[in-house]
Amino acid sequence: MNLYTDENDIKWFTDLKESIKPEYSAIKVTSPLSFYRLKGRVSVMAIENIIPLENVSYTVYSKAEDRYYLHEFRNYPVEQLYFYKPCDGFLGDDLATENLRRYIMDGNIHILLTPEQVSDTSDMLARLWKSHFGSEGKLDYRIYIELLDASLKFQDYKGYGSSHTGFKTVCNMMQQKIDDLWRQAGETKK
């Protein structure tokens, strides 16, 4: 691993191909949900089943210096990073959370997974596939992130939108999106 450090203990990589091997595998972060996983042997995508990945690092790419700066994930609750809602110890105004969300939206974040974390994630994706399709296989990681996003938004909407006009229509549309993603996942297996 080719990790550089300056006098202020700031750490960076020059690339994410050879510099991080064999300690890490880099995955581009497209959603704050990439920092979370389903706990234990659970296969239901609900907010109470989501936990932060433990001891995970990530990089923030700086185009000006052409470097990937190394950071440690602070194990934010999913309500804070994903929904940006007030929760335990978070009142809804945090510069570090805002910056991380902005870097994710800009496409400048890569999560660095250890071989053990890659294996755990792979097992979780296989468990999700088996629980939904009843056969051996593995859910595509990108589809998993989209499914998790759609499922959490659906669960959140059911919590606050029940008195809204068109509630059932919106619920049907959200459920249809989840069904379409599962259908897409099944087609990738073929």
N, C-alpha and C. Protein backbone atom coordinates (compact mmCIF):
# COMPACT_ATOMS: atom_id res chain seq x y z
N MET A 1 0.85 -1.17 0.00
CA MET A 1 0.00 0.00 0.00
C MET A 1 0.90 1.24 0.00
N ASN A 2 0.62 2.18 -0.89
CA ASN A 2 1.40 3.41 -1.00
C ASN A 2 0.61 4.57 -0.42
N LEU A 3 0.69 4.72 0.89
CA LEU A 3 -0.01 5.79 1.59
C LEU A 3 1.00 6.87 1.94
N TYR A 4 0.69 8.11 1.58
CA TYR A 4 1.57 9.24 1.87
C TYR A 4 1.00 10.02 3.04
N THR A 5 1.90 10.61 3.84
CA THR A 5 1.51 11.41 5.00
C THR A 5 2.37 12.66 5.05
N ASP A 6 1.75 13.80 5.36
CA ASP A 6 2.53 15.02 5.48
C ASP A 6 2.79 15.35 6.96
N GLU A 7 3.41 16.50 7.22
CA GLU A 7 3.78 16.89 8.59
C GLU A 7 2.56 17.14 9.48
N ASN A 8 1.38 17.36 8.89
CA ASN A 8 0.16 17.58 9.67
C ASN A 8 -0.66 16.29 9.84
N ASP A 9 -0.05 15.16 9.51
CA ASP A 9 -0.67 13.84 9.59
C ASP A 9 -1.87 13.69 8.65
N ILE A 10 -1.87 14.44 7.55
CA ILE A 10 -2.88 14.27 6.52
C ILE A 10 -2.40 13.16 5.60
N LYS A 11 -3.31 12.20 5.31
CA LYS A 11 -2.93 11.02 4.55
C LYS A 11 -3.64 11.01 3.20
N TRP A 12 -2.92 10.52 2.16
CA TRP A 12 -3.52 10.44 0.85
C TRP A 12 -2.88 9.34 0.02
N PHE A 13 -3.62 8.99 -1.04
CA PHE A 13 -3.15 8.06 -2.07
C PHE A 13 -3.04 8.84 -3.38
N THR A 14 -2.18 8.38 -4.26
CA THR A 14 -2.08 9.01 -5.57
C THR A 14 -3.03 8.38 -6.58
N ASP A 15 -3.43 7.14 -6.34
CA ASP A 15 -4.41 6.47 -7.20
C ASP A 15 -5.14 5.42 -6.36
N LEU A 16 -6.22 4.90 -6.91
CA LEU A 16 -7.00 3.90 -6.19
C LEU A 16 -6.92 2.53 -6.84
N LYS A 17 -5.93 2.32 -7.66
CA LYS A 17 -5.75 1.00 -8.27
C LYS A 17 -4.66 0.24 -7.55
N GLU A 18 -3.44 0.65 -7.73
CA GLU A 18 -2.32 -0.07 -7.15
C GLU A 18 -1.96 0.43 -5.75
N SER A 19 -2.23 1.68 -5.44
CA SER A 19 -1.80 2.25 -4.16
C SER A 19 -2.48 1.62 -2.95
N ILE A 20 -3.69 1.12 -3.11
CA ILE A 20 -4.45 0.62 -1.95
C ILE A 20 -4.38 -0.89 -1.79
N LYS A 21 -3.84 -1.57 -2.76
CA LYS A 21 -3.78 -3.03 -2.71
C LYS A 21 -2.70 -3.50 -1.75
N PRO A 22 -2.82 -4.60 -1.10
CA PRO A 22 -3.95 -5.53 -1.05
C PRO A 22 -4.89 -5.25 0.13
N GLU A 23 -4.64 -4.19 0.88
CA GLU A 23 -5.41 -3.92 2.09
C GLU A 23 -6.86 -3.54 1.83
N TYR A 24 -7.12 -2.87 0.70
CA TYR A 24 -8.46 -2.34 0.45
C TYR A 24 -8.94 -2.62 -0.97
N SER A 25 -10.26 -2.56 -1.12
CA SER A 25 -10.91 -2.51 -2.43
C SER A 25 -11.71 -1.22 -2.43
N ALA A 26 -11.58 -0.44 -3.49
CA ALA A 26 -12.27 0.85 -3.59
C ALA A 26 -13.58 0.69 -4.34
N ILE A 27 -14.65 1.27 -3.77
CA ILE A 27 -15.96 1.26 -4.40
C ILE A 27 -16.45 2.70 -4.46
N LYS A 28 -16.86 3.14 -5.64
CA LYS A 28 -17.38 4.50 -5.79
C LYS A 28 -18.69 4.63 -5.03
N VAL A 29 -18.80 5.69 -4.25
CA VAL A 29 -19.99 5.93 -3.43
C VAL A 29 -20.96 6.80 -4.24
N THR A 30 -22.16 6.28 -4.45
CA THR A 30 -23.19 7.02 -5.18
C THR A 30 -24.31 7.46 -4.26
N SER A 31 -24.30 6.98 -3.04
CA SER A 31 -25.35 7.29 -2.07
C SER A 31 -24.75 7.20 -0.66
N PRO A 32 -25.26 8.00 0.26
CA PRO A 32 -24.81 7.84 1.66
C PRO A 32 -25.05 6.43 2.20
N LEU A 33 -25.96 5.69 1.57
CA LEU A 33 -26.27 4.33 2.03
C LEU A 33 -25.12 3.36 1.83
N SER A 34 -24.12 3.73 1.05
CA SER A 34 -22.95 2.87 0.87
C SER A 34 -22.18 2.67 2.17
N PHE A 35 -22.38 3.56 3.13
CA PHE A 35 -21.70 3.46 4.42
C PHE A 35 -22.45 2.58 5.42
N TYR A 36 -23.54 1.92 4.97
CA TYR A 36 -24.38 1.13 5.86
C TYR A 36 -24.60 -0.25 5.29
N ARG A 37 -25.05 -1.14 6.16
CA ARG A 37 -25.37 -2.51 5.76
C ARG A 37 -26.52 -3.01 6.61
N LEU A 38 -27.07 -4.14 6.22
CA LEU A 38 -28.10 -4.78 7.04
C LEU A 38 -27.41 -5.50 8.18
N LYS A 39 -27.99 -5.43 9.35
CA LYS A 39 -27.35 -6.06 10.51
C LYS A 39 -27.63 -7.56 10.53
N GLY A 40 -26.68 -8.29 11.08
CA GLY A 40 -26.83 -9.72 11.33
C GLY A 40 -27.28 -10.52 10.12
N ARG A 41 -28.24 -11.38 10.35
CA ARG A 41 -28.77 -12.26 9.30
C ARG A 41 -30.09 -11.73 8.74
N VAL A 42 -30.34 -10.45 8.91
CA VAL A 42 -31.59 -9.83 8.50
C VAL A 42 -31.63 -9.65 6.99
N SER A 43 -32.82 -9.80 6.40
CA SER A 43 -32.97 -9.58 4.97
C SER A 43 -34.09 -8.60 4.63
N VAL A 44 -34.63 -7.93 5.65
CA VAL A 44 -35.67 -6.92 5.44
C VAL A 44 -35.02 -5.54 5.43
N MET A 45 -35.22 -4.82 4.33
CA MET A 45 -34.61 -3.50 4.19
C MET A 45 -35.51 -2.46 4.86
N ALA A 46 -35.24 -2.25 6.15
CA ALA A 46 -35.99 -1.28 6.94
C ALA A 46 -34.99 -0.50 7.79
N ILE A 47 -35.35 0.70 8.17
CA ILE A 47 -34.42 1.58 8.87
C ILE A 47 -33.90 0.97 10.17
N GLU A 48 -34.73 0.22 10.86
CA GLU A 48 -34.29 -0.39 12.12
C GLU A 48 -33.29 -1.52 11.90
N ASN A 49 -33.14 -1.98 10.67
CA ASN A 49 -32.20 -3.06 10.36
C ASN A 49 -30.89 -2.56 9.74
N ILE A 50 -30.71 -1.24 9.65
CA ILE A 50 -29.54 -0.66 9.02
C ILE A 50 -28.54 -0.23 10.09
N ILE A 51 -27.29 -0.65 9.90
CA ILE A 51 -26.21 -0.23 10.81
C ILE A 51 -25.04 0.29 9.99
N PRO A 52 -24.23 1.18 10.57
CA PRO A 52 -23.05 1.67 9.85
C PRO A 52 -22.01 0.56 9.70
N LEU A 53 -21.28 0.60 8.59
CA LEU A 53 -20.13 -0.28 8.45
C LEU A 53 -19.12 0.12 9.51
N GLU A 54 -18.56 -0.83 10.21
CA GLU A 54 -17.62 -0.52 11.28
C GLU A 54 -16.21 -0.38 10.74
N ASN A 55 -15.48 0.57 11.31
CA ASN A 55 -14.08 0.79 10.98
C ASN A 55 -13.83 0.90 9.48
N VAL A 56 -14.65 1.70 8.83
CA VAL A 56 -14.51 1.85 7.39
C VAL A 56 -13.84 3.19 7.07
N SER A 57 -12.99 3.15 6.07
CA SER A 57 -12.31 4.35 5.59
C SER A 57 -12.88 4.73 4.24
N TYR A 58 -12.67 5.98 3.89
CA TYR A 58 -13.08 6.44 2.57
C TYR A 58 -12.10 7.50 2.09
N THR A 59 -12.13 7.75 0.79
CA THR A 59 -11.27 8.78 0.22
C THR A 59 -12.13 9.89 -0.37
N VAL A 60 -11.60 11.09 -0.31
CA VAL A 60 -12.20 12.24 -0.97
C VAL A 60 -11.19 12.70 -2.02
N TYR A 61 -11.63 12.72 -3.26
CA TYR A 61 -10.74 13.09 -4.36
C TYR A 61 -10.64 14.61 -4.47
N SER A 62 -9.42 15.11 -4.54
CA SER A 62 -9.15 16.52 -4.78
C SER A 62 -8.59 16.66 -6.18
N LYS A 63 -9.38 17.26 -7.05
CA LYS A 63 -8.95 17.42 -8.45
C LYS A 63 -7.76 18.37 -8.53
N ALA A 64 -7.73 19.40 -7.69
CA ALA A 64 -6.65 20.39 -7.73
C ALA A 64 -5.28 19.75 -7.46
N GLU A 65 -5.22 18.83 -6.48
CA GLU A 65 -3.95 18.18 -6.14
C GLU A 65 -3.81 16.81 -6.76
N ASP A 66 -4.88 16.31 -7.38
CA ASP A 66 -4.90 14.97 -7.96
C ASP A 66 -4.51 13.93 -6.90
N ARG A 67 -5.19 14.02 -5.75
CA ARG A 67 -4.94 13.11 -4.64
C ARG A 67 -6.27 12.59 -4.10
N TYR A 68 -6.18 11.43 -3.46
CA TYR A 68 -7.31 10.83 -2.77
C TYR A 68 -7.02 10.88 -1.27
N TYR A 69 -7.63 11.83 -0.58
CA TYR A 69 -7.38 12.01 0.85
C TYR A 69 -8.14 10.97 1.66
N LEU A 70 -7.44 10.38 2.60
CA LEU A 70 -7.98 9.30 3.42
C LEU A 70 -8.69 9.86 4.65
N HIS A 71 -9.90 9.33 4.92
CA HIS A 71 -10.70 9.72 6.08
C HIS A 71 -11.30 8.47 6.73
N GLU A 72 -11.63 8.60 8.00
CA GLU A 72 -12.33 7.53 8.71
C GLU A 72 -13.80 7.92 8.84
N PHE A 73 -14.70 6.98 8.56
CA PHE A 73 -16.13 7.23 8.71
C PHE A 73 -16.48 7.32 10.18
N ARG A 74 -17.29 8.29 10.54
CA ARG A 74 -17.62 8.55 11.95
C ARG A 74 -18.83 7.80 12.46
N ASN A 75 -19.31 6.83 11.74
CA ASN A 75 -20.47 6.02 12.14
C ASN A 75 -21.70 6.88 12.44
N TYR A 76 -22.00 7.80 11.55
CA TYR A 76 -23.21 8.60 11.69
C TYR A 76 -24.43 7.69 11.65
N PRO A 77 -25.46 8.00 12.44
CA PRO A 77 -26.72 7.25 12.30
C PRO A 77 -27.30 7.51 10.91
N VAL A 78 -28.02 6.55 10.37
CA VAL A 78 -28.58 6.68 9.03
C VAL A 78 -29.55 7.87 8.96
N GLU A 79 -30.23 8.18 10.05
CA GLU A 79 -31.13 9.33 10.07
C GLU A 79 -30.37 10.63 9.84
N GLN A 80 -29.14 10.69 10.32
CA GLN A 80 -28.34 11.91 10.19
C GLN A 80 -27.74 12.05 8.79
N LEU A 81 -27.06 11.02 8.31
CA LEU A 81 -26.34 11.14 7.04
C LEU A 81 -27.27 11.01 5.84
N TYR A 82 -28.18 10.07 5.89
CA TYR A 82 -29.04 9.82 4.73
C TYR A 82 -30.25 10.76 4.69
N PHE A 83 -31.00 10.79 5.80
CA PHE A 83 -32.21 11.61 5.83
C PHE A 83 -31.94 13.05 6.27
N TYR A 84 -30.82 13.28 6.92
CA TYR A 84 -30.46 14.59 7.48
C TYR A 84 -31.56 15.10 8.41
N LYS A 85 -32.05 14.17 9.27
CA LYS A 85 -33.09 14.50 10.24
C LYS A 85 -32.48 14.60 11.63
N PRO A 86 -33.02 15.46 12.47
CA PRO A 86 -32.54 15.50 13.86
C PRO A 86 -32.73 14.13 14.52
N CYS A 87 -31.70 13.70 15.24
CA CYS A 87 -31.74 12.42 15.96
C CYS A 87 -30.81 12.55 17.16
N ASP A 88 -30.47 11.45 17.79
CA ASP A 88 -29.63 11.46 18.98
C ASP A 88 -28.37 12.29 18.78
N GLY A 89 -28.26 13.41 19.48
CA GLY A 89 -27.07 14.24 19.42
C GLY A 89 -26.91 15.04 18.14
N PHE A 90 -27.88 15.00 17.24
CA PHE A 90 -27.80 15.73 15.98
C PHE A 90 -29.05 16.58 15.84
N LEU A 91 -28.84 17.89 15.74
CA LEU A 91 -29.96 18.82 15.68
C LEU A 91 -30.31 19.26 14.26
N GLY A 92 -29.59 18.76 13.28
CA GLY A 92 -29.90 19.10 11.90
C GLY A 92 -28.99 20.15 11.31
N ASP A 93 -27.84 20.39 11.93
CA ASP A 93 -26.91 21.38 11.41
C ASP A 93 -25.49 20.94 11.76
N ASP A 94 -24.81 20.31 10.81
CA ASP A 94 -23.47 19.81 11.06
C ASP A 94 -22.65 19.94 9.79
N LEU A 95 -21.59 20.71 9.84
CA LEU A 95 -20.76 20.98 8.66
C LEU A 95 -20.12 19.70 8.11
N ALA A 96 -19.64 18.83 8.99
CA ALA A 96 -18.99 17.59 8.53
C ALA A 96 -19.98 16.70 7.76
N THR A 97 -21.21 16.59 8.27
CA THR A 97 -22.23 15.80 7.59
C THR A 97 -22.59 16.43 6.26
N GLU A 98 -22.75 17.74 6.24
CA GLU A 98 -23.07 18.45 5.00
C GLU A 98 -21.97 18.26 3.96
N ASN A 99 -20.72 18.35 4.39
CA ASN A 99 -19.59 18.18 3.46
C ASN A 99 -19.56 16.77 2.89
N LEU A 100 -19.74 15.77 3.74
CA LEU A 100 -19.72 14.40 3.26
C LEU A 100 -20.85 14.17 2.26
N ARG A 101 -22.04 14.66 2.55
CA ARG A 101 -23.17 14.53 1.62
C ARG A 101 -22.86 15.24 0.30
N ARG A 102 -22.25 16.41 0.37
CA ARG A 102 -21.91 17.16 -0.84
C ARG A 102 -20.87 16.41 -1.67
N TYR A 103 -19.83 15.88 -1.02
CA TYR A 103 -18.80 15.13 -1.74
C TYR A 103 -19.40 13.90 -2.42
N ILE A 104 -20.36 13.25 -1.76
CA ILE A 104 -21.03 12.09 -2.36
C ILE A 104 -21.80 12.53 -3.60
N MET A 105 -22.54 13.62 -3.50
CA MET A 105 -23.31 14.11 -4.64
C MET A 105 -22.40 14.53 -5.80
N ASP A 106 -21.22 15.03 -5.48
CA ASP A 106 -20.26 15.42 -6.51
C ASP A 106 -19.54 14.23 -7.13
N GLY A 107 -19.67 13.05 -6.54
CA GLY A 107 -19.02 11.86 -7.07
C GLY A 107 -17.55 11.76 -6.72
N ASN A 108 -17.14 12.38 -5.61
CA ASN A 108 -15.72 12.43 -5.24
C ASN A 108 -15.34 11.45 -4.12
N ILE A 109 -16.22 10.54 -3.76
CA ILE A 109 -15.97 9.64 -2.63
C ILE A 109 -15.83 8.20 -3.11
N HIS A 110 -14.83 7.52 -2.56
CA HIS A 110 -14.68 6.07 -2.72
C HIS A 110 -14.58 5.47 -1.33
N ILE A 111 -15.35 4.44 -1.09
CA ILE A 111 -15.26 3.74 0.19
C ILE A 111 -14.19 2.66 0.05
N LEU A 112 -13.39 2.48 1.09
CA LEU A 112 -12.32 1.49 1.06
C LEU A 112 -12.72 0.34 1.97
N LEU A 113 -12.97 -0.80 1.36
CA LEU A 113 -13.40 -1.98 2.11
C LEU A 113 -12.25 -2.96 2.26
N THR A 114 -12.12 -3.50 3.46
CA THR A 114 -11.14 -4.55 3.70
C THR A 114 -11.66 -5.85 3.08
N PRO A 115 -10.81 -6.85 2.88
CA PRO A 115 -11.30 -8.13 2.35
C PRO A 115 -12.42 -8.73 3.20
N GLU A 116 -12.36 -8.55 4.52
CA GLU A 116 -13.42 -9.06 5.40
C GLU A 116 -14.73 -8.32 5.15
N GLN A 117 -14.68 -7.00 4.97
CA GLN A 117 -15.89 -6.22 4.71
C GLN A 117 -16.47 -6.57 3.34
N VAL A 118 -15.61 -6.84 2.36
CA VAL A 118 -16.08 -7.26 1.04
C VAL A 118 -16.80 -8.60 1.17
N SER A 119 -16.23 -9.52 1.93
CA SER A 119 -16.84 -10.83 2.14
C SER A 119 -18.19 -10.71 2.86
N ASP A 120 -18.26 -9.88 3.90
CA ASP A 120 -19.52 -9.67 4.62
C ASP A 120 -20.60 -9.09 3.71
N THR A 121 -20.20 -8.13 2.88
CA THR A 121 -21.14 -7.50 1.95
C THR A 121 -21.61 -8.52 0.91
N SER A 122 -20.70 -9.33 0.41
CA SER A 122 -21.05 -10.36 -0.55
C SER A 122 -22.03 -11.37 0.05
N ASP A 123 -21.78 -11.77 1.30
CA ASP A 123 -22.70 -12.69 1.98
C ASP A 123 -24.08 -12.06 2.14
N MET A 124 -24.12 -10.76 2.48
CA MET A 124 -25.39 -10.07 2.64
C MET A 124 -26.15 -10.03 1.31
N LEU A 125 -25.45 -9.75 0.21
CA LEU A 125 -26.08 -9.70 -1.11
C LEU A 125 -26.61 -11.07 -1.53
N ALA A 126 -25.89 -12.13 -1.19
CA ALA A 126 -26.36 -13.49 -1.47
C ALA A 126 -27.59 -13.82 -0.62
N ARG A 127 -27.58 -13.39 0.64
CA ARG A 127 -28.72 -13.63 1.54
C ARG A 127 -29.97 -12.90 1.02
N LEU A 128 -29.81 -11.67 0.55
CA LEU A 128 -30.94 -10.91 0.00
C LEU A 128 -31.51 -11.59 -1.24
N TRP A 129 -30.61 -12.08 -2.09
CA TRP A 129 -31.05 -12.77 -3.30
C TRP A 129 -31.87 -14.00 -2.93
N LYS A 130 -31.33 -14.79 -2.03
CA LYS A 130 -32.00 -16.04 -1.65
C LYS A 130 -33.34 -15.77 -0.97
N SER A 131 -33.41 -14.72 -0.14
CA SER A 131 -34.67 -14.44 0.56
C SER A 131 -35.75 -13.96 -0.41
N HIS A 132 -35.35 -13.29 -1.49
CA HIS A 132 -36.35 -12.80 -2.44
C HIS A 132 -36.67 -13.81 -3.54
N PHE A 133 -35.64 -14.42 -4.11
CA PHE A 133 -35.85 -15.31 -5.25
C PHE A 133 -35.90 -16.79 -4.87
N GLY A 134 -35.42 -17.14 -3.68
CA GLY A 134 -35.46 -18.53 -3.24
C GLY A 134 -34.46 -19.43 -3.95
N SER A 135 -33.46 -18.84 -4.57
CA SER A 135 -32.44 -19.63 -5.26
C SER A 135 -31.07 -19.04 -4.95
N GLU A 136 -30.03 -19.73 -5.41
CA GLU A 136 -28.68 -19.25 -5.20
C GLU A 136 -28.37 -18.13 -6.19
N GLY A 137 -27.68 -17.14 -5.73
CA GLY A 137 -27.30 -16.02 -6.56
C GLY A 137 -26.83 -14.89 -5.67
N LYS A 138 -26.55 -13.75 -6.29
CA LYS A 138 -26.10 -12.61 -5.51
C LYS A 138 -26.66 -11.35 -6.14
N LEU A 139 -27.26 -10.52 -5.33
CA LEU A 139 -27.82 -9.25 -5.78
C LEU A 139 -26.69 -8.32 -6.19
N ASP A 140 -26.86 -7.63 -7.31
CA ASP A 140 -25.89 -6.64 -7.75
C ASP A 140 -25.82 -5.52 -6.73
N TYR A 141 -24.62 -5.08 -6.38
CA TYR A 141 -24.44 -4.06 -5.34
C TYR A 141 -25.15 -2.75 -5.68
N ARG A 142 -25.05 -2.33 -6.94
CA ARG A 142 -25.70 -1.07 -7.34
C ARG A 142 -27.21 -1.16 -7.19
N ILE A 143 -27.79 -2.31 -7.55
CA ILE A 143 -29.23 -2.50 -7.40
C ILE A 143 -29.59 -2.55 -5.92
N TYR A 144 -28.73 -3.17 -5.11
CA TYR A 144 -28.96 -3.20 -3.66
C TYR A 144 -29.07 -1.78 -3.10
N ILE A 145 -28.16 -0.89 -3.51
CA ILE A 145 -28.20 0.49 -3.02
C ILE A 145 -29.49 1.17 -3.46
N GLU A 146 -29.91 0.96 -4.70
CA GLU A 146 -31.16 1.54 -5.19
C GLU A 146 -32.37 0.97 -4.45
N LEU A 147 -32.35 -0.34 -4.20
CA LEU A 147 -33.44 -0.98 -3.45
C LEU A 147 -33.52 -0.45 -2.02
N LEU A 148 -32.36 -0.33 -1.39
CA LEU A 148 -32.33 0.18 -0.03
C LEU A 148 -32.85 1.61 0.01
N ASP A 149 -32.42 2.42 -0.96
CA ASP A 149 -32.89 3.81 -1.06
C ASP A 149 -34.41 3.85 -1.22
N ALA A 150 -34.94 3.09 -2.15
CA ALA A 150 -36.39 3.08 -2.39
C ALA A 150 -37.15 2.55 -1.18
N SER A 151 -36.63 1.52 -0.54
CA SER A 151 -37.31 0.93 0.62
C SER A 151 -37.35 1.89 1.80
N LEU A 152 -36.22 2.57 2.07
CA LEU A 152 -36.18 3.51 3.19
C LEU A 152 -37.07 4.73 2.92
N LYS A 153 -37.08 5.22 1.69
CA LYS A 153 -37.96 6.35 1.35
C LYS A 153 -39.42 5.95 1.48
N PHE A 154 -39.74 4.73 1.07
CA PHE A 154 -41.11 4.23 1.19
C PHE A 154 -41.52 4.12 2.66
N GLN A 155 -40.65 3.55 3.48
CA GLN A 155 -40.93 3.43 4.90
C GLN A 155 -41.10 4.81 5.54
N ASP A 156 -40.24 5.74 5.18
CA ASP A 156 -40.32 7.10 5.72
C ASP A 156 -41.61 7.78 5.29
N TYR A 157 -41.99 7.62 4.02
CA TYR A 157 -43.21 8.25 3.53
C TYR A 157 -44.44 7.70 4.24
N LYS A 158 -44.47 6.40 4.48
CA LYS A 158 -45.61 5.81 5.18
C LYS A 158 -45.74 6.37 6.59
N GLY A 159 -44.62 6.81 7.17
CA GLY A 159 -44.64 7.38 8.51
C GLY A 159 -45.19 8.79 8.58
N TYR A 160 -44.93 9.59 7.55
CA TYR A 160 -45.37 10.98 7.63
C TYR A 160 -46.47 11.34 6.62
N GLY A 161 -46.70 10.52 5.61
CA GLY A 161 -47.60 10.92 4.54
C GLY A 161 -48.99 10.33 4.59
N SER A 162 -49.33 9.63 5.67
CA SER A 162 -50.62 8.93 5.70
C SER A 162 -51.82 9.87 5.61
N SER A 163 -51.67 11.12 5.98
CA SER A 163 -52.80 12.05 5.91
C SER A 163 -52.78 12.89 4.63
N HIS A 164 -51.81 12.65 3.76
CA HIS A 164 -51.71 13.41 2.52
C HIS A 164 -52.70 12.91 1.48
N THR A 165 -53.18 13.83 0.66
CA THR A 165 -54.03 13.46 -0.46
C THR A 165 -53.19 12.64 -1.43
N GLY A 166 -53.75 11.54 -1.91
CA GLY A 166 -53.03 10.69 -2.85
C GLY A 166 -52.05 9.74 -2.18
N PHE A 167 -52.19 9.53 -0.88
CA PHE A 167 -51.27 8.68 -0.14
C PHE A 167 -51.17 7.28 -0.75
N LYS A 168 -52.32 6.67 -1.05
CA LYS A 168 -52.31 5.30 -1.60
C LYS A 168 -51.68 5.26 -2.99
N THR A 169 -51.91 6.29 -3.78
CA THR A 169 -51.31 6.33 -5.11
C THR A 169 -49.79 6.41 -5.02
N VAL A 170 -49.31 7.28 -4.14
CA VAL A 170 -47.86 7.41 -3.97
C VAL A 170 -47.27 6.10 -3.44
N CYS A 171 -47.95 5.48 -2.49
CA CYS A 171 -47.47 4.19 -1.97
C CYS A 171 -47.40 3.15 -3.08
N ASN A 172 -48.41 3.11 -3.93
CA ASN A 172 -48.40 2.15 -5.05
C ASN A 172 -47.25 2.43 -6.00
N MET A 173 -46.97 3.71 -6.27
CA MET A 173 -45.87 4.06 -7.15
C MET A 173 -44.52 3.67 -6.54
N MET A 174 -44.37 3.89 -5.23
CA MET A 174 -43.12 3.53 -4.56
C MET A 174 -42.94 2.02 -4.54
N GLN A 175 -44.02 1.28 -4.28
CA GLN A 175 -43.94 -0.17 -4.29
C GLN A 175 -43.62 -0.69 -5.69
N GLN A 176 -44.18 -0.05 -6.70
CA GLN A 176 -43.90 -0.43 -8.09
C GLN A 176 -42.43 -0.25 -8.41
N LYS A 177 -41.82 0.84 -7.92
CA LYS A 177 -40.40 1.07 -8.15
C LYS A 177 -39.56 -0.04 -7.51
N ILE A 178 -39.91 -0.44 -6.29
CA ILE A 178 -39.20 -1.53 -5.61
C ILE A 178 -39.35 -2.82 -6.40
N ASP A 179 -40.58 -3.12 -6.86
CA ASP A 179 -40.81 -4.33 -7.64
C ASP A 179 -40.01 -4.31 -8.95
N ASP A 180 -39.95 -3.13 -9.59
CA ASP A 180 -39.18 -3.00 -10.83
C ASP A 180 -37.69 -3.26 -10.60
N LEU A 181 -37.17 -2.78 -9.47
CA LEU A 181 -35.76 -3.01 -9.15
C LEU A 181 -35.48 -4.49 -8.92
N TRP A 182 -36.38 -5.18 -8.24
CA TRP A 182 -36.21 -6.62 -8.04
C TRP A 182 -36.28 -7.35 -9.39
N ARG A 183 -37.19 -6.90 -10.26
CA ARG A 183 -37.31 -7.51 -11.58
C ARG A 183 -36.01 -7.29 -12.37
N GLN A 184 -35.46 -6.09 -12.28
CA GLN A 184 -34.20 -5.77 -12.94
C GLN A 184 -33.08 -6.65 -12.40
N ALA A 185 -33.07 -6.85 -11.08
CA ALA A 185 -32.05 -7.72 -10.46
C ALA A 185 -32.16 -9.14 -10.99
N GLY A 186 -33.38 -9.63 -11.12
CA GLY A 186 -33.58 -10.99 -11.64
C GLY A 186 -33.14 -11.14 -13.08
N GLU A 187 -33.31 -10.09 -13.87
CA GLU A 187 -32.90 -10.13 -15.28
C GLU A 187 -31.39 -10.11 -15.43
N THR A 188 -30.67 -9.51 -14.49
CA THR A 188 -29.21 -9.48 -14.59
C THR A 188 -28.62 -10.87 -14.36
N LYS A 189 -29.34 -11.73 -13.69
CA LYS A 189 -28.87 -13.09 -13.41
C LYS A 189 -28.88 -13.93 -14.68
N LYS A 190 -29.79 -13.63 -15.59
CA LYS A 190 -29.95 -14.44 -16.79
C LYS A 190 -28.82 -14.29 -17.76
